[in-house]
Amino acid sequence: MSERAGALFVGPLIAESGIGTLIEALDLFPGVRVDVIGIGPERARVEAHPRMRVLGAAAHADVQACMRRAAYLIMPSLSWEATPRPLVEAFAQRLPVIASRLAALAELVEPGRNGLLFEPGSARDLARRLTWAEAFPEKMRQMGLCARADYEARFVAEWGWQKLYGERRRSARVPL
């Protein structure tokens, strides 16, 4: 397996996605490049940043391929989401997640186990997490392995049960 490197952002390029927080964090910590998959009104601002590469809209297979190459996914969301699909897909690809300590993100990301959390809207806190992630790539790789285990435990088993038996088990886990 090839070495993972760099960061990835997947989502709409809108204020609510926290893309502005990410841009500010990159200005505070210049040690990382971010591939950006998404479209939206903030695209010009993202394209203007020297350490962000906008890939635009991408097919699902291309998103998965990017996730297999990245060292971690950044989710700086400022809005409450139920079960964010990019996080679930990142976990499936053994990709740890650096996310806002907000709603489902805070419930699914266990700091130091399958990713890192930072205060929503805090570019300084996000920059600290990016600095740590870049300084400890082996620990991030280990978090990716835990992320995959969490994906299998939280999403695959429950989905499979429902597909096979057509009923909903009593569970706090949400299937895809």
Protein backbone atom coordinates (compact mmCIF):
# COMPACT_ATOMS: atom_id res chain seq x y z
CA MET A 1 0.00 0.00 0.00
CA SER A 2 1.35 3.41 -0.91
CA GLU A 3 2.03 6.08 1.65
CA ARG A 4 -0.85 8.47 2.33
CA ALA A 5 -0.13 12.18 2.24
CA GLY A 6 -1.92 15.50 2.41
CA ALA A 7 -5.34 16.54 3.53
CA LEU A 8 -8.71 16.28 1.85
CA PHE A 9 -11.90 18.34 2.09
CA VAL A 10 -15.12 16.97 0.58
CA GLY A 11 -18.25 19.08 0.61
CA PRO A 12 -20.02 22.13 -0.69
CA LEU A 13 -17.93 25.30 -0.90
CA ILE A 14 -20.28 27.36 1.26
CA ALA A 15 -19.84 29.23 4.53
CA GLU A 16 -21.74 26.59 6.53
CA SER A 17 -19.22 23.92 5.55
CA GLY A 18 -16.53 25.83 7.46
CA ILE A 19 -14.38 26.36 4.39
CA GLY A 20 -13.48 29.85 5.67
CA THR A 21 -12.21 28.34 8.93
CA LEU A 22 -10.06 25.95 6.93
CA ILE A 23 -8.61 28.76 4.82
CA GLU A 24 -7.73 30.75 7.96
CA ALA A 25 -6.18 27.67 9.59
CA LEU A 26 -3.97 27.11 6.56
CA ASP A 27 -2.75 30.69 6.87
CA LEU A 28 -1.77 29.96 10.49
CA PHE A 29 -0.16 26.59 9.68
CA PRO A 30 1.50 26.59 6.28
CA GLY A 31 2.69 22.99 6.49
CA VAL A 32 -0.11 21.20 4.62
CA ARG A 33 -1.76 21.09 1.19
CA VAL A 34 -5.45 20.36 0.88
CA ASP A 35 -7.22 18.80 -2.07
CA VAL A 36 -10.76 20.15 -2.24
CA ILE A 37 -13.65 18.24 -3.79
CA GLY A 38 -16.73 20.38 -4.10
CA ILE A 39 -18.43 23.27 -5.81
CA GLY A 40 -20.15 26.38 -4.55
CA PRO A 41 -20.03 30.14 -4.12
CA GLU A 42 -16.75 30.08 -2.13
CA ARG A 43 -14.86 28.38 -4.99
CA ALA A 44 -12.97 31.51 -6.09
CA ARG A 45 -11.78 32.12 -2.53
CA VAL A 46 -10.57 28.51 -2.26
CA GLU A 47 -8.87 28.60 -5.68
CA ALA A 48 -7.01 31.76 -4.64
CA HIS A 49 -5.32 29.98 -1.72
CA PRO A 50 -1.84 28.70 -2.67
CA ARG A 51 -2.13 25.48 -0.63
CA MET A 52 -5.59 24.43 -1.77
CA ARG A 53 -6.16 22.53 -4.99
CA VAL A 54 -9.77 22.56 -6.17
CA LEU A 55 -10.78 19.37 -7.93
CA GLY A 56 -14.39 20.51 -8.38
CA ALA A 57 -17.26 18.05 -8.53
CA ALA A 58 -16.16 14.42 -8.60
CA ALA A 59 -17.70 11.04 -9.24
CA HIS A 60 -18.10 8.78 -6.21
CA ALA A 61 -15.26 6.49 -7.36
CA ASP A 62 -12.94 9.51 -7.70
CA VAL A 63 -13.81 10.70 -4.19
CA GLN A 64 -12.99 7.25 -2.84
CA ALA A 65 -9.68 7.21 -4.73
CA CYS A 66 -8.77 10.60 -3.23
CA MET A 67 -9.68 9.28 0.22
CA ARG A 68 -7.34 6.32 -0.26
CA ARG A 69 -4.44 8.71 -1.05
CA ALA A 70 -5.04 11.36 1.66
CA ALA A 71 -3.62 11.21 5.18
CA TYR A 72 -6.82 12.62 6.71
CA LEU A 73 -10.15 14.27 5.93
CA ILE A 74 -10.93 17.73 7.27
CA MET A 75 -14.55 18.50 8.19
CA PRO A 76 -14.70 22.04 9.60
CA SER A 77 -18.51 22.17 9.47
CA LEU A 78 -20.39 24.96 11.20
CA SER A 79 -23.80 23.32 10.79
CA TRP A 80 -25.51 20.44 12.53
CA GLU A 81 -25.57 17.31 10.42
CA ALA A 82 -27.16 13.94 11.16
CA THR A 83 -24.75 11.32 9.81
CA PRO A 84 -22.36 13.07 7.42
CA ARG A 85 -21.71 10.87 4.41
CA PRO A 86 -18.11 12.04 3.83
CA LEU A 87 -17.21 10.98 7.37
CA VAL A 88 -18.73 7.53 6.93
CA GLU A 89 -16.97 7.09 3.58
CA ALA A 90 -13.68 8.29 5.05
CA PHE A 91 -13.94 5.71 7.83
CA ALA A 92 -14.64 3.05 5.18
CA GLN A 93 -11.39 4.04 3.43
CA ARG A 94 -9.30 3.92 6.66
CA LEU A 95 -9.08 7.71 6.63
CA PRO A 96 -9.08 9.49 10.01
CA VAL A 97 -11.14 12.67 10.29
CA ILE A 98 -10.30 16.06 11.76
CA ALA A 99 -13.70 17.57 12.49
CA SER A 100 -15.57 20.29 14.32
CA ARG A 101 -16.73 19.30 17.80
CA LEU A 102 -20.34 19.57 16.68
CA ALA A 103 -23.39 17.26 16.60
CA ALA A 104 -22.83 13.90 14.88
CA LEU A 105 -19.22 14.76 14.09
CA ALA A 106 -18.48 14.95 17.82
CA GLU A 107 -20.34 11.70 18.42
CA LEU A 108 -18.59 9.72 15.70
CA VAL A 109 -15.04 11.09 15.96
CA GLU A 110 -13.25 9.88 19.07
CA PRO A 111 -10.19 12.12 19.58
CA GLY A 112 -6.98 10.14 19.44
CA ARG A 113 -8.78 6.99 18.31
CA ASN A 114 -10.27 7.59 14.84
CA GLY A 115 -9.55 11.28 14.37
CA LEU A 116 -9.27 14.65 16.07
CA LEU A 117 -11.81 17.30 17.09
CA PHE A 118 -11.52 21.08 17.25
CA GLU A 119 -13.79 23.90 18.35
CA PRO A 120 -16.22 24.88 15.57
CA GLY A 121 -15.16 28.05 13.80
CA SER A 122 -11.75 28.21 15.52
CA ALA A 123 -9.04 28.47 12.87
CA ARG A 124 -6.40 28.49 15.60
CA ASP A 125 -7.67 25.24 17.11
CA LEU A 126 -7.91 23.62 13.67
CA ALA A 127 -4.36 24.77 12.87
CA ARG A 128 -3.18 23.07 16.09
CA ARG A 129 -4.83 19.80 15.02
CA LEU A 130 -3.30 20.07 11.53
CA THR A 131 0.13 20.68 13.07
CA TRP A 132 -0.28 17.60 15.27
CA ALA A 133 -1.52 15.44 12.39
CA GLU A 134 1.46 16.39 10.23
CA ALA A 135 3.91 15.78 13.10
CA PHE A 136 2.54 12.30 13.88
CA PRO A 137 1.70 10.53 10.59
CA GLU A 138 2.05 7.05 12.11
CA LYS A 139 -0.49 7.88 14.83
CA MET A 140 -2.84 9.21 12.15
CA ARG A 141 -2.37 5.96 10.20
CA GLN A 142 -3.31 4.01 13.34
CA MET A 143 -6.39 6.21 13.75
CA GLY A 144 -7.31 5.31 10.18
CA LEU A 145 -7.28 1.62 11.10
CA CYS A 146 -9.58 2.36 14.04
CA ALA A 147 -11.81 4.42 11.74
CA ARG A 148 -12.23 1.37 9.49
CA ALA A 149 -13.04 -0.84 12.48
CA ASP A 150 -15.65 1.72 13.58
CA TYR A 151 -17.13 1.76 10.08
CA GLU A 152 -17.50 -2.01 10.13
CA ALA A 153 -18.96 -2.04 13.65
CA ARG A 154 -21.31 0.94 13.32
CA PHE A 155 -22.49 0.87 9.74
CA VAL A 156 -21.84 -2.39 7.89
CA ALA A 157 -23.26 -4.83 10.45
CA GLU A 158 -26.48 -2.87 10.99
CA TRP A 159 -27.02 -2.32 7.28
CA GLY A 160 -26.43 -6.01 6.56
CA TRP A 161 -28.89 -7.07 9.24
CA GLN A 162 -31.60 -4.88 7.75
CA LYS A 163 -30.91 -6.08 4.22
CA LEU A 164 -31.07 -9.73 5.26
CA TYR A 165 -34.01 -9.60 7.61
CA GLY A 166 -35.90 -6.50 6.51
CA GLU A 167 -36.42 -5.19 10.01
CA ARG A 168 -34.88 -2.56 12.19
CA ARG A 169 -33.03 -3.81 15.25
CA ARG A 170 -33.05 -1.72 18.38
CA SER A 171 -29.76 0.12 18.05
CA ALA A 172 -28.30 3.55 18.62
CA ARG A 173 -26.31 3.15 15.40
CA VAL A 174 -27.55 4.72 12.19
CA PRO A 175 -27.11 2.71 8.97
CA LEU A 176 -26.19 4.36 5.67
